[in-house]
Amino acid sequence: MTVAVPALAGTSLLSAGASRARAHSSSCFTIVAGHHRVRECLIPGPRGPRGPRGFTGATGPRGFTGAPGPRGHTGKGSAGPTGANGSQGPPGPAGPAGTARAYAVIKPSTEVVPAQSSNITGVSSPKAGVYCVTPASPINPGADSAAVSAEVSYSASEAPGLVALNAQRKNGCPGSAFEVDTYAPATSTLAGGYAFTIVIP
């Protein structure tokens, strides 16, 4: 808004409202109009309404995901110290006593030593150096095996002989018995007079 004021001595063309408005002017200047000097002041008007807020633009597309970086080195820590040994646990219960199904000490005379024999029902000797040892049922000499060894104290002259199991019973023992052959030391000749032990597991 512009208000013109003549620059005449003692003269003012401004109304009371204009005077009050001039008191609040922010800028005044003088111009020449029709041989008159006119002072004009710019009075700010009321503040206009606030304009509408601009619309927010659409979200831009998401950028491409970058390639993964190289894999870092796998860390490996040093081994920790070995721990102390734990205390020994209590002993377990004793297992059942084991035993062979049959065993015996047999003299050259085919006699079984009772105190050192079990589940042997008979011994025979069809010829010198051949012993047929019959076990108690259900031991089956045709399907089971036995272990034999020399015995010194009941042998002739307390000299051990060579003792061997004959699994095929080639010297006359029946299928119901184990055949045990005894030999003179360092020979392949059957010979009597040698005691032995037999164990059937």
N, C-alpha and C. Protein backbone atom coordinates (compact mmCIF):
# COMPACT_ATOMS: atom_id res chain seq x y z
N MET A 1 0.87 -1.18 0.00
CA MET A 1 0.00 0.00 0.00
C MET A 1 0.91 1.23 0.00
N THR A 2 0.52 2.22 -0.83
CA THR A 2 1.32 3.45 -0.95
C THR A 2 0.47 4.64 -0.53
N VAL A 3 0.99 5.55 0.29
CA VAL A 3 0.30 6.77 0.74
C VAL A 3 1.11 7.97 0.26
N ALA A 4 0.45 8.89 -0.45
CA ALA A 4 1.12 10.10 -0.96
C ALA A 4 0.93 11.22 0.04
N VAL A 5 2.01 11.88 0.35
CA VAL A 5 1.96 13.01 1.29
C VAL A 5 2.60 14.22 0.60
N PRO A 6 1.81 15.39 0.38
CA PRO A 6 2.43 16.57 -0.23
C PRO A 6 3.47 17.14 0.69
N ALA A 7 4.57 17.61 0.09
CA ALA A 7 5.65 18.18 0.91
C ALA A 7 5.49 19.69 1.02
N LEU A 8 4.30 20.15 1.51
CA LEU A 8 4.06 21.58 1.70
C LEU A 8 4.23 21.92 3.15
N ALA A 9 4.80 23.04 3.39
CA ALA A 9 5.05 23.43 4.77
C ALA A 9 3.75 23.62 5.50
N GLY A 10 3.58 22.95 6.63
CA GLY A 10 2.38 23.09 7.46
C GLY A 10 1.18 22.44 6.86
N THR A 11 1.33 21.65 5.81
CA THR A 11 0.17 21.03 5.15
C THR A 11 0.37 19.53 5.10
N SER A 12 -0.71 18.78 5.37
CA SER A 12 -0.66 17.29 5.30
C SER A 12 -1.94 16.81 4.72
N LEU A 13 -1.86 15.92 3.76
CA LEU A 13 -3.03 15.33 3.13
C LEU A 13 -3.36 13.96 3.71
N LEU A 14 -2.59 13.53 4.68
CA LEU A 14 -2.81 12.18 5.24
C LEU A 14 -3.93 12.25 6.26
N SER A 15 -4.80 11.31 6.26
CA SER A 15 -5.85 11.21 7.26
C SER A 15 -5.24 10.68 8.54
N ALA A 16 -6.10 10.68 9.62
CA ALA A 16 -5.59 10.17 10.90
C ALA A 16 -5.22 8.73 10.79
N GLY A 17 -6.04 7.98 10.00
CA GLY A 17 -5.72 6.54 9.82
C GLY A 17 -4.44 6.39 9.06
N ALA A 18 -4.25 7.28 8.05
CA ALA A 18 -3.04 7.19 7.25
C ALA A 18 -1.84 7.53 8.09
N SER A 19 -2.05 8.54 9.05
CA SER A 19 -0.93 8.92 9.91
C SER A 19 -0.51 7.76 10.77
N ARG A 20 -1.53 7.06 11.28
CA ARG A 20 -1.18 5.89 12.10
C ARG A 20 -0.50 4.82 11.27
N ALA A 21 -0.98 4.68 10.02
CA ALA A 21 -0.37 3.68 9.14
C ALA A 21 1.04 4.08 8.83
N ARG A 22 1.29 5.47 8.64
CA ARG A 22 2.64 5.90 8.30
C ARG A 22 3.57 5.63 9.46
N ALA A 23 3.00 5.71 10.67
CA ALA A 23 3.85 5.45 11.83
C ALA A 23 4.41 4.04 11.79
N HIS A 24 3.70 3.16 11.08
CA HIS A 24 4.14 1.75 11.00
C HIS A 24 4.76 1.44 9.66
N SER A 25 5.06 2.50 8.86
CA SER A 25 5.61 2.22 7.53
C SER A 25 6.98 1.63 7.67
N SER A 26 7.29 0.82 6.68
CA SER A 26 8.62 0.20 6.70
C SER A 26 9.55 0.90 5.73
N SER A 27 9.00 1.76 4.78
CA SER A 27 9.88 2.44 3.82
C SER A 27 9.15 3.68 3.26
N CYS A 28 9.79 4.85 3.30
CA CYS A 28 9.21 6.09 2.76
C CYS A 28 10.20 6.73 1.78
N PHE A 29 9.65 7.38 0.78
CA PHE A 29 10.51 8.09 -0.19
C PHE A 29 9.71 9.27 -0.76
N THR A 30 10.38 10.29 -1.40
CA THR A 30 9.76 11.53 -1.93
C THR A 30 9.84 11.51 -3.44
N ILE A 31 8.69 11.88 -4.08
CA ILE A 31 8.67 11.96 -5.54
C ILE A 31 8.13 13.35 -5.92
N VAL A 32 8.33 13.81 -7.20
CA VAL A 32 7.81 15.09 -7.71
C VAL A 32 6.63 14.77 -8.62
N ALA A 33 5.45 15.27 -8.28
CA ALA A 33 4.26 15.03 -9.09
C ALA A 33 3.53 16.36 -9.28
N GLY A 34 3.44 16.83 -10.58
CA GLY A 34 2.74 18.10 -10.89
C GLY A 34 3.35 19.27 -10.15
N HIS A 35 4.61 19.43 -10.20
CA HIS A 35 5.35 20.49 -9.55
C HIS A 35 5.22 20.45 -8.05
N HIS A 36 4.80 19.31 -7.54
CA HIS A 36 4.69 19.14 -6.09
C HIS A 36 5.60 18.00 -5.66
N ARG A 37 6.17 18.25 -4.51
CA ARG A 37 6.96 17.15 -3.93
C ARG A 37 6.03 16.30 -3.07
N VAL A 38 6.00 15.07 -3.40
CA VAL A 38 5.08 14.15 -2.69
C VAL A 38 5.92 13.08 -1.99
N ARG A 39 5.63 12.91 -0.72
CA ARG A 39 6.34 11.84 0.04
C ARG A 39 5.44 10.60 0.10
N GLU A 40 5.96 9.55 -0.29
CA GLU A 40 5.19 8.30 -0.30
C GLU A 40 5.84 7.30 0.66
N CYS A 41 4.99 6.61 1.35
CA CYS A 41 5.45 5.55 2.29
C CYS A 41 4.78 4.23 1.95
N LEU A 42 5.56 3.21 2.00
CA LEU A 42 5.04 1.85 1.75
C LEU A 42 4.64 1.22 3.08
N ILE A 43 3.35 0.92 3.17
CA ILE A 43 2.83 0.31 4.41
C ILE A 43 2.54 -1.16 4.12
N PRO A 44 3.12 -2.08 4.86
CA PRO A 44 2.86 -3.51 4.57
C PRO A 44 1.43 -3.87 4.86
N GLY A 45 0.80 -4.63 3.97
CA GLY A 45 -0.55 -5.12 4.19
C GLY A 45 -0.57 -6.36 5.07
N PRO A 46 -1.77 -6.82 5.33
CA PRO A 46 -1.88 -8.05 6.17
C PRO A 46 -1.25 -9.26 5.46
N ARG A 47 -0.80 -10.20 6.28
CA ARG A 47 -0.17 -11.43 5.73
C ARG A 47 -1.20 -12.32 5.08
N GLY A 48 -0.93 -12.71 3.87
CA GLY A 48 -1.86 -13.56 3.16
C GLY A 48 -1.89 -14.99 3.71
N PRO A 49 -2.89 -15.72 3.32
CA PRO A 49 -3.00 -17.12 3.81
C PRO A 49 -1.84 -17.97 3.27
N ARG A 50 -1.51 -18.96 4.05
CA ARG A 50 -0.43 -19.86 3.66
C ARG A 50 -0.88 -20.74 2.51
N GLY A 51 -0.03 -20.85 1.53
CA GLY A 51 -0.37 -21.70 0.39
C GLY A 51 -0.39 -23.17 0.74
N PRO A 52 -1.04 -23.94 -0.09
CA PRO A 52 -1.12 -25.39 0.19
C PRO A 52 0.28 -26.02 0.12
N ARG A 53 0.46 -27.02 0.98
CA ARG A 53 1.73 -27.74 0.99
C ARG A 53 1.84 -28.61 -0.25
N GLY A 54 3.00 -28.60 -0.82
CA GLY A 54 3.19 -29.42 -2.02
C GLY A 54 3.10 -30.91 -1.72
N PHE A 55 2.69 -31.68 -2.70
CA PHE A 55 2.58 -33.13 -2.53
C PHE A 55 3.96 -33.78 -2.48
N THR A 56 4.06 -34.78 -1.62
CA THR A 56 5.32 -35.54 -1.54
C THR A 56 5.43 -36.46 -2.76
N GLY A 57 6.54 -36.41 -3.39
CA GLY A 57 6.72 -37.25 -4.57
C GLY A 57 6.77 -38.74 -4.21
N ALA A 58 6.54 -39.58 -5.22
CA ALA A 58 6.57 -41.03 -5.03
C ALA A 58 7.99 -41.49 -4.69
N THR A 59 8.08 -42.53 -3.89
CA THR A 59 9.38 -43.09 -3.51
C THR A 59 10.08 -43.66 -4.74
N GLY A 60 11.33 -43.31 -4.89
CA GLY A 60 12.09 -43.83 -6.03
C GLY A 60 12.36 -45.32 -5.91
N PRO A 61 12.71 -45.94 -7.02
CA PRO A 61 12.99 -47.39 -7.00
C PRO A 61 14.21 -47.70 -6.15
N ARG A 62 14.20 -48.90 -5.55
CA ARG A 62 15.32 -49.31 -4.69
C ARG A 62 16.52 -49.70 -5.56
N GLY A 63 17.66 -49.26 -5.15
CA GLY A 63 18.86 -49.58 -5.91
C GLY A 63 19.21 -51.07 -5.84
N PHE A 64 20.05 -51.49 -6.75
CA PHE A 64 20.46 -52.89 -6.80
C PHE A 64 21.33 -53.22 -5.59
N THR A 65 21.17 -54.47 -5.10
CA THR A 65 22.01 -54.94 -4.00
C THR A 65 23.41 -55.23 -4.51
N GLY A 66 24.38 -54.72 -3.82
CA GLY A 66 25.76 -54.94 -4.24
C GLY A 66 26.19 -56.38 -4.07
N ALA A 67 27.23 -56.77 -4.78
CA ALA A 67 27.76 -58.14 -4.68
C ALA A 67 28.32 -58.37 -3.28
N PRO A 68 28.17 -59.61 -2.75
CA PRO A 68 28.70 -59.87 -1.40
C PRO A 68 30.22 -59.74 -1.38
N GLY A 69 30.70 -59.27 -0.27
CA GLY A 69 32.15 -59.14 -0.12
C GLY A 69 32.81 -60.49 0.11
N PRO A 70 34.13 -60.57 0.02
CA PRO A 70 34.83 -61.84 0.22
C PRO A 70 34.67 -62.33 1.64
N ARG A 71 34.64 -63.66 1.79
CA ARG A 71 34.47 -64.27 3.09
C ARG A 71 35.74 -64.10 3.92
N GLY A 72 35.56 -63.72 5.17
CA GLY A 72 36.72 -63.53 6.03
C GLY A 72 37.35 -64.86 6.43
N HIS A 73 38.56 -64.78 6.91
CA HIS A 73 39.27 -65.97 7.34
C HIS A 73 38.61 -66.55 8.59
N THR A 74 38.57 -67.89 8.66
CA THR A 74 38.02 -68.57 9.82
C THR A 74 39.03 -68.51 10.96
N GLY A 75 38.58 -68.00 12.06
CA GLY A 75 39.49 -67.91 13.20
C GLY A 75 39.67 -69.27 13.89
N LYS A 76 40.82 -69.49 14.45
CA LYS A 76 41.11 -70.74 15.16
C LYS A 76 41.88 -70.41 16.41
N GLY A 77 41.20 -70.64 17.52
CA GLY A 77 41.87 -70.37 18.78
C GLY A 77 42.79 -71.51 19.18
N SER A 78 43.70 -71.24 20.05
CA SER A 78 44.62 -72.27 20.54
C SER A 78 43.88 -73.21 21.49
N ALA A 79 44.33 -74.46 21.52
CA ALA A 79 43.71 -75.46 22.39
C ALA A 79 43.92 -75.10 23.85
N GLY A 80 42.87 -75.33 24.62
CA GLY A 80 42.98 -75.06 26.04
C GLY A 80 43.80 -76.12 26.75
N PRO A 81 44.19 -75.85 27.97
CA PRO A 81 44.99 -76.83 28.72
C PRO A 81 44.18 -78.08 29.03
N THR A 82 44.89 -79.20 29.12
CA THR A 82 44.23 -80.47 29.44
C THR A 82 43.76 -80.46 30.88
N GLY A 83 42.52 -80.86 31.07
CA GLY A 83 41.98 -80.87 32.41
C GLY A 83 42.57 -81.98 33.26
N ALA A 84 42.42 -81.85 34.55
CA ALA A 84 42.94 -82.86 35.47
C ALA A 84 42.15 -84.15 35.35
N ASN A 85 42.82 -85.28 35.60
CA ASN A 85 42.15 -86.57 35.56
C ASN A 85 41.09 -86.65 36.65
N GLY A 86 39.96 -87.22 36.28
CA GLY A 86 38.91 -87.40 37.26
C GLY A 86 39.24 -88.53 38.23
N SER A 87 38.54 -88.56 39.31
CA SER A 87 38.77 -89.61 40.30
C SER A 87 38.29 -90.95 39.77
N GLN A 88 38.92 -92.01 40.21
CA GLN A 88 38.56 -93.35 39.76
C GLN A 88 37.22 -93.76 40.31
N GLY A 89 36.40 -94.30 39.44
CA GLY A 89 35.08 -94.74 39.87
C GLY A 89 35.15 -96.01 40.70
N PRO A 90 34.07 -96.33 41.37
CA PRO A 90 34.06 -97.55 42.20
C PRO A 90 34.11 -98.79 41.31
N PRO A 91 34.68 -99.88 41.79
CA PRO A 91 34.75 -101.11 40.99
C PRO A 91 33.36 -101.67 40.73
N GLY A 92 33.18 -102.24 39.57
CA GLY A 92 31.91 -102.85 39.23
C GLY A 92 31.72 -104.18 39.94
N PRO A 93 30.50 -104.68 39.89
CA PRO A 93 30.23 -105.96 40.56
C PRO A 93 30.98 -107.10 39.86
N ALA A 94 31.34 -108.08 40.63
CA ALA A 94 32.05 -109.24 40.08
C ALA A 94 31.12 -110.03 39.17
N GLY A 95 31.66 -110.48 38.05
CA GLY A 95 30.89 -111.30 37.13
C GLY A 95 30.77 -112.73 37.63
N PRO A 96 29.88 -113.48 37.01
CA PRO A 96 29.73 -114.89 37.43
C PRO A 96 31.00 -115.68 37.14
N ALA A 97 31.26 -116.65 37.97
CA ALA A 97 32.45 -117.47 37.78
C ALA A 97 32.34 -118.26 36.47
N GLY A 98 33.39 -118.17 35.68
CA GLY A 98 33.39 -118.91 34.42
C GLY A 98 33.95 -120.31 34.61
N THR A 99 33.54 -121.20 33.75
CA THR A 99 34.03 -122.57 33.81
C THR A 99 33.86 -123.23 32.46
N ALA A 100 34.68 -124.20 32.19
CA ALA A 100 34.52 -124.99 30.96
C ALA A 100 33.34 -125.95 31.13
N ARG A 101 32.76 -126.34 30.02
CA ARG A 101 31.66 -127.30 30.13
C ARG A 101 32.13 -128.66 30.62
N ALA A 102 33.37 -128.98 30.28
CA ALA A 102 33.94 -130.24 30.75
C ALA A 102 35.46 -130.14 30.77
N TYR A 103 36.11 -130.85 31.69
CA TYR A 103 37.57 -130.86 31.76
C TYR A 103 37.99 -132.10 32.56
N ALA A 104 39.27 -132.48 32.40
CA ALA A 104 39.74 -133.67 33.13
C ALA A 104 41.25 -133.78 33.05
N VAL A 105 41.82 -134.42 34.08
CA VAL A 105 43.20 -134.89 34.06
C VAL A 105 43.13 -136.40 33.90
N ILE A 106 43.76 -136.93 32.85
CA ILE A 106 43.63 -138.36 32.52
C ILE A 106 45.00 -139.03 32.58
N LYS A 107 45.05 -140.12 33.37
CA LYS A 107 46.28 -140.89 33.52
C LYS A 107 46.48 -141.82 32.32
N PRO A 108 47.69 -142.30 32.10
CA PRO A 108 47.94 -143.24 30.98
C PRO A 108 47.10 -144.51 31.08
N SER A 109 46.66 -144.86 32.28
CA SER A 109 45.84 -146.06 32.48
C SER A 109 44.37 -145.82 32.16
N THR A 110 44.02 -144.68 31.58
CA THR A 110 42.65 -144.24 31.26
C THR A 110 41.86 -143.85 32.50
N GLU A 111 42.52 -143.69 33.61
CA GLU A 111 41.84 -143.28 34.84
C GLU A 111 41.69 -141.76 34.85
N VAL A 112 40.48 -141.33 35.21
CA VAL A 112 40.20 -139.90 35.35
C VAL A 112 40.45 -139.49 36.80
N VAL A 113 41.19 -138.41 37.01
CA VAL A 113 41.43 -137.91 38.37
C VAL A 113 40.18 -137.14 38.80
N PRO A 114 39.38 -137.66 39.73
CA PRO A 114 38.08 -137.08 40.05
C PRO A 114 38.14 -135.64 40.56
N ALA A 115 39.11 -135.33 41.39
CA ALA A 115 39.16 -134.00 41.98
C ALA A 115 39.47 -132.91 40.95
N GLN A 116 39.97 -133.30 39.79
CA GLN A 116 40.36 -132.33 38.76
C GLN A 116 39.61 -132.58 37.45
N SER A 117 38.41 -133.15 37.57
CA SER A 117 37.65 -133.49 36.37
C SER A 117 36.18 -133.15 36.56
N SER A 118 35.49 -132.86 35.43
CA SER A 118 34.06 -132.55 35.47
C SER A 118 33.44 -132.86 34.11
N ASN A 119 32.29 -133.50 34.15
CA ASN A 119 31.49 -133.82 32.94
C ASN A 119 32.25 -134.70 31.93
N ILE A 120 33.14 -135.55 32.42
CA ILE A 120 33.76 -136.59 31.58
C ILE A 120 33.22 -137.92 32.11
N THR A 121 32.54 -138.65 31.25
CA THR A 121 31.86 -139.88 31.70
C THR A 121 32.67 -141.15 31.47
N GLY A 122 33.71 -141.10 30.66
CA GLY A 122 34.48 -142.31 30.45
C GLY A 122 35.68 -142.07 29.55
N VAL A 123 36.70 -142.94 29.69
CA VAL A 123 37.90 -142.90 28.87
C VAL A 123 38.27 -144.34 28.51
N SER A 124 38.57 -144.58 27.23
CA SER A 124 39.02 -145.90 26.80
C SER A 124 40.24 -145.74 25.91
N SER A 125 41.00 -146.84 25.71
CA SER A 125 42.19 -146.79 24.88
C SER A 125 42.19 -148.01 23.97
N PRO A 126 41.72 -147.83 22.71
CA PRO A 126 41.67 -148.97 21.79
C PRO A 126 43.06 -149.50 21.41
N LYS A 127 44.10 -148.69 21.51
CA LYS A 127 45.47 -149.12 21.29
C LYS A 127 46.43 -148.13 21.94
N ALA A 128 47.68 -148.50 22.06
CA ALA A 128 48.65 -147.68 22.77
C ALA A 128 48.73 -146.28 22.15
N GLY A 129 48.65 -145.29 22.99
CA GLY A 129 48.76 -143.90 22.55
C GLY A 129 47.47 -143.29 22.02
N VAL A 130 46.38 -144.06 22.03
CA VAL A 130 45.08 -143.53 21.54
C VAL A 130 44.11 -143.58 22.71
N TYR A 131 43.45 -142.42 23.00
CA TYR A 131 42.51 -142.32 24.11
C TYR A 131 41.19 -141.74 23.60
N CYS A 132 40.10 -142.43 23.92
CA CYS A 132 38.75 -141.98 23.54
C CYS A 132 38.10 -141.41 24.79
N VAL A 133 37.89 -140.12 24.77
CA VAL A 133 37.36 -139.41 25.95
C VAL A 133 35.91 -139.05 25.67
N THR A 134 34.98 -139.61 26.50
CA THR A 134 33.55 -139.39 26.28
C THR A 134 33.04 -138.31 27.24
N PRO A 135 32.45 -137.19 26.71
CA PRO A 135 31.92 -136.12 27.58
C PRO A 135 30.46 -136.39 27.92
N ALA A 136 29.98 -135.66 28.92
CA ALA A 136 28.56 -135.74 29.27
C ALA A 136 27.74 -134.98 28.23
N SER A 137 26.45 -135.38 28.10
CA SER A 137 25.51 -134.69 27.21
C SER A 137 25.22 -133.30 27.79
N PRO A 138 25.02 -132.26 26.98
CA PRO A 138 24.80 -132.28 25.52
C PRO A 138 26.04 -131.98 24.70
N ILE A 139 27.23 -132.15 25.25
CA ILE A 139 28.45 -131.90 24.49
C ILE A 139 28.53 -132.89 23.34
N ASN A 140 28.80 -132.39 22.15
CA ASN A 140 28.83 -133.23 20.95
C ASN A 140 30.22 -133.19 20.33
N PRO A 141 31.01 -134.25 20.44
CA PRO A 141 32.36 -134.24 19.87
C PRO A 141 32.39 -134.02 18.36
N GLY A 142 31.27 -134.31 17.68
CA GLY A 142 31.23 -134.08 16.24
C GLY A 142 31.04 -132.61 15.87
N ALA A 143 30.58 -131.76 16.82
CA ALA A 143 30.34 -130.34 16.55
C ALA A 143 31.17 -129.43 17.43
N ASP A 144 31.63 -129.93 18.58
CA ASP A 144 32.41 -129.13 19.52
C ASP A 144 33.90 -129.48 19.40
N SER A 145 34.71 -128.63 20.00
CA SER A 145 36.16 -128.87 19.98
C SER A 145 36.68 -128.94 21.40
N ALA A 146 37.94 -129.35 21.54
CA ALA A 146 38.57 -129.47 22.85
C ALA A 146 40.02 -129.04 22.75
N ALA A 147 40.59 -128.67 23.88
CA ALA A 147 42.01 -128.32 23.96
C ALA A 147 42.69 -129.34 24.87
N VAL A 148 43.85 -129.85 24.42
CA VAL A 148 44.58 -130.85 25.19
C VAL A 148 46.01 -130.39 25.40
N SER A 149 46.63 -130.88 26.49
CA SER A 149 48.03 -130.55 26.78
C SER A 149 48.64 -131.68 27.60
N ALA A 150 49.98 -131.73 27.60
CA ALA A 150 50.69 -132.79 28.33
C ALA A 150 50.61 -132.56 29.83
N GLU A 151 50.60 -133.66 30.58
CA GLU A 151 50.63 -133.61 32.04
C GLU A 151 51.83 -134.44 32.49
N VAL A 152 52.66 -133.91 33.37
CA VAL A 152 53.93 -134.54 33.73
C VAL A 152 53.83 -135.51 34.90
N SER A 153 53.13 -135.11 35.97
CA SER A 153 53.21 -135.87 37.22
C SER A 153 52.64 -137.29 37.11
N TYR A 154 51.68 -137.53 36.21
CA TYR A 154 51.11 -138.86 36.06
C TYR A 154 51.71 -139.62 34.87
N SER A 155 52.63 -139.02 34.18
CA SER A 155 53.25 -139.67 33.03
C SER A 155 54.36 -140.62 33.50
N ALA A 156 54.67 -141.63 32.67
CA ALA A 156 55.74 -142.58 32.98
C ALA A 156 57.06 -141.83 33.08
N SER A 157 57.82 -142.09 34.12
CA SER A 157 59.12 -141.45 34.38
C SER A 157 58.97 -139.93 34.50
N GLU A 158 57.71 -139.47 34.68
CA GLU A 158 57.40 -138.04 34.79
C GLU A 158 58.02 -137.25 33.65
N ALA A 159 57.97 -137.83 32.47
CA ALA A 159 58.47 -137.17 31.26
C ALA A 159 57.27 -136.85 30.37
N PRO A 160 57.13 -135.62 29.92
CA PRO A 160 55.98 -135.27 29.09
C PRO A 160 56.10 -135.83 27.68
N GLY A 161 54.97 -136.24 27.14
CA GLY A 161 54.96 -136.66 25.74
C GLY A 161 54.33 -135.59 24.88
N LEU A 162 54.22 -135.89 23.60
CA LEU A 162 53.54 -134.98 22.66
C LEU A 162 52.08 -135.39 22.60
N VAL A 163 51.17 -134.46 22.90
CA VAL A 163 49.73 -134.73 22.98
C VAL A 163 49.02 -133.92 21.91
N ALA A 164 48.09 -134.58 21.17
CA ALA A 164 47.36 -133.88 20.10
C ALA A 164 45.93 -134.38 20.03
N LEU A 165 45.02 -133.47 19.67
CA LEU A 165 43.63 -133.83 19.43
C LEU A 165 43.49 -134.33 18.00
N ASN A 166 42.83 -135.46 17.82
CA ASN A 166 42.58 -136.01 16.49
C ASN A 166 41.11 -135.77 16.18
N ALA A 167 40.81 -134.63 15.53
CA ALA A 167 39.42 -134.22 15.33
C ALA A 167 38.64 -135.19 14.45
N GLN A 168 39.32 -135.94 13.54
CA GLN A 168 38.60 -136.85 12.65
C GLN A 168 38.56 -138.28 13.20
N ARG A 169 39.11 -138.48 14.39
CA ARG A 169 39.06 -139.77 15.07
C ARG A 169 39.51 -140.91 14.13
N LYS A 170 40.72 -140.78 13.60
CA LYS A 170 41.21 -141.75 12.61
C LYS A 170 41.81 -143.03 13.22
N ASN A 171 41.86 -143.08 14.54
CA ASN A 171 42.48 -144.25 15.17
C ASN A 171 41.49 -145.08 15.98
N GLY A 172 40.22 -145.04 15.60
CA GLY A 172 39.26 -145.99 16.15
C GLY A 172 38.32 -145.47 17.21
N CYS A 173 38.34 -144.20 17.57
CA CYS A 173 37.40 -143.70 18.58
C CYS A 173 36.03 -143.47 17.95
N PRO A 174 34.93 -143.74 18.71
CA PRO A 174 33.57 -143.53 18.17
C PRO A 174 33.23 -142.05 18.06
N GLY A 175 32.14 -141.76 17.37
CA GLY A 175 31.71 -140.37 17.19
C GLY A 175 31.25 -139.71 18.47
N SER A 176 30.97 -140.48 19.50
CA SER A 176 30.51 -139.92 20.77
C SER A 176 31.66 -139.51 21.68
N ALA A 177 32.93 -139.66 21.20
CA ALA A 177 34.09 -139.36 22.04
C ALA A 177 35.08 -138.48 21.30
N PHE A 178 35.87 -137.75 22.09
CA PHE A 178 37.01 -137.01 21.54
C PHE A 178 38.20 -137.97 21.49
N GLU A 179 38.96 -137.93 20.39
CA GLU A 179 40.16 -138.76 20.30
C GLU A 179 41.39 -137.92 20.62
N VAL A 180 42.18 -138.43 21.58
CA VAL A 180 43.43 -137.77 21.97
C VAL A 180 44.56 -138.76 21.72
N ASP A 181 45.57 -138.34 20.96
CA ASP A 181 46.72 -139.20 20.63
C ASP A 181 47.96 -138.68 21.35
N THR A 182 48.75 -139.61 21.88
CA THR A 182 50.01 -139.25 22.53
C THR A 182 51.18 -139.89 21.79
N TYR A 183 52.28 -139.13 21.70
CA TYR A 183 53.46 -139.57 20.96
C TYR A 183 54.69 -139.41 21.85
N ALA A 184 55.67 -140.26 21.57
CA ALA A 184 56.97 -140.07 22.22
C ALA A 184 57.56 -138.77 21.72
N PRO A 185 58.30 -138.05 22.57
CA PRO A 185 58.86 -136.76 22.17
C PRO A 185 59.69 -136.85 20.90
N ALA A 186 59.54 -135.88 20.03
CA ALA A 186 60.30 -135.73 18.79
C ALA A 186 60.10 -136.88 17.83
N THR A 187 58.93 -137.57 17.91
CA THR A 187 58.62 -138.64 16.95
C THR A 187 57.18 -138.48 16.49
N SER A 188 56.81 -139.25 15.48
CA SER A 188 55.42 -139.29 15.01
C SER A 188 54.83 -140.67 15.29
N THR A 189 55.41 -141.37 16.26
CA THR A 189 54.96 -142.72 16.61
C THR A 189 54.08 -142.67 17.83
N LEU A 190 52.88 -143.26 17.74
CA LEU A 190 51.98 -143.31 18.89
C LEU A 190 52.65 -144.08 20.01
N ALA A 191 52.52 -143.58 21.21
CA ALA A 191 53.14 -144.23 22.36
C ALA A 191 52.31 -143.99 23.60
N GLY A 192 52.14 -145.04 24.43
CA GLY A 192 51.42 -144.92 25.68
C GLY A 192 52.33 -144.45 26.79
N GLY A 193 51.74 -144.31 27.97
CA GLY A 193 52.51 -143.92 29.13
C GLY A 193 52.53 -142.43 29.41
N TYR A 194 51.77 -141.65 28.64
CA TYR A 194 51.78 -140.19 28.83
C TYR A 194 50.40 -139.70 29.31
N ALA A 195 50.39 -139.01 30.41
CA ALA A 195 49.17 -138.40 30.92
C ALA A 195 48.90 -137.08 30.17
N PHE A 196 47.65 -136.62 30.25
CA PHE A 196 47.29 -135.36 29.57
C PHE A 196 46.08 -134.74 30.24
N THR A 197 45.83 -133.49 29.90
CA THR A 197 44.61 -132.79 30.33
C THR A 197 43.76 -132.48 29.11
N ILE A 198 42.45 -132.39 29.32
CA ILE A 198 41.52 -132.02 28.24
C ILE A 198 40.53 -130.99 28.78
N VAL A 199 40.24 -129.99 28.01
CA VAL A 199 39.29 -128.95 28.38
C VAL A 199 38.33 -128.74 27.21
N ILE A 200 37.03 -128.79 27.50
CA ILE A 200 36.03 -128.57 26.46
C ILE A 200 35.29 -127.28 26.83
N PRO A 201 35.55 -126.16 26.13
CA PRO A 201 34.96 -124.86 26.50
C PRO A 201 33.47 -124.78 26.17
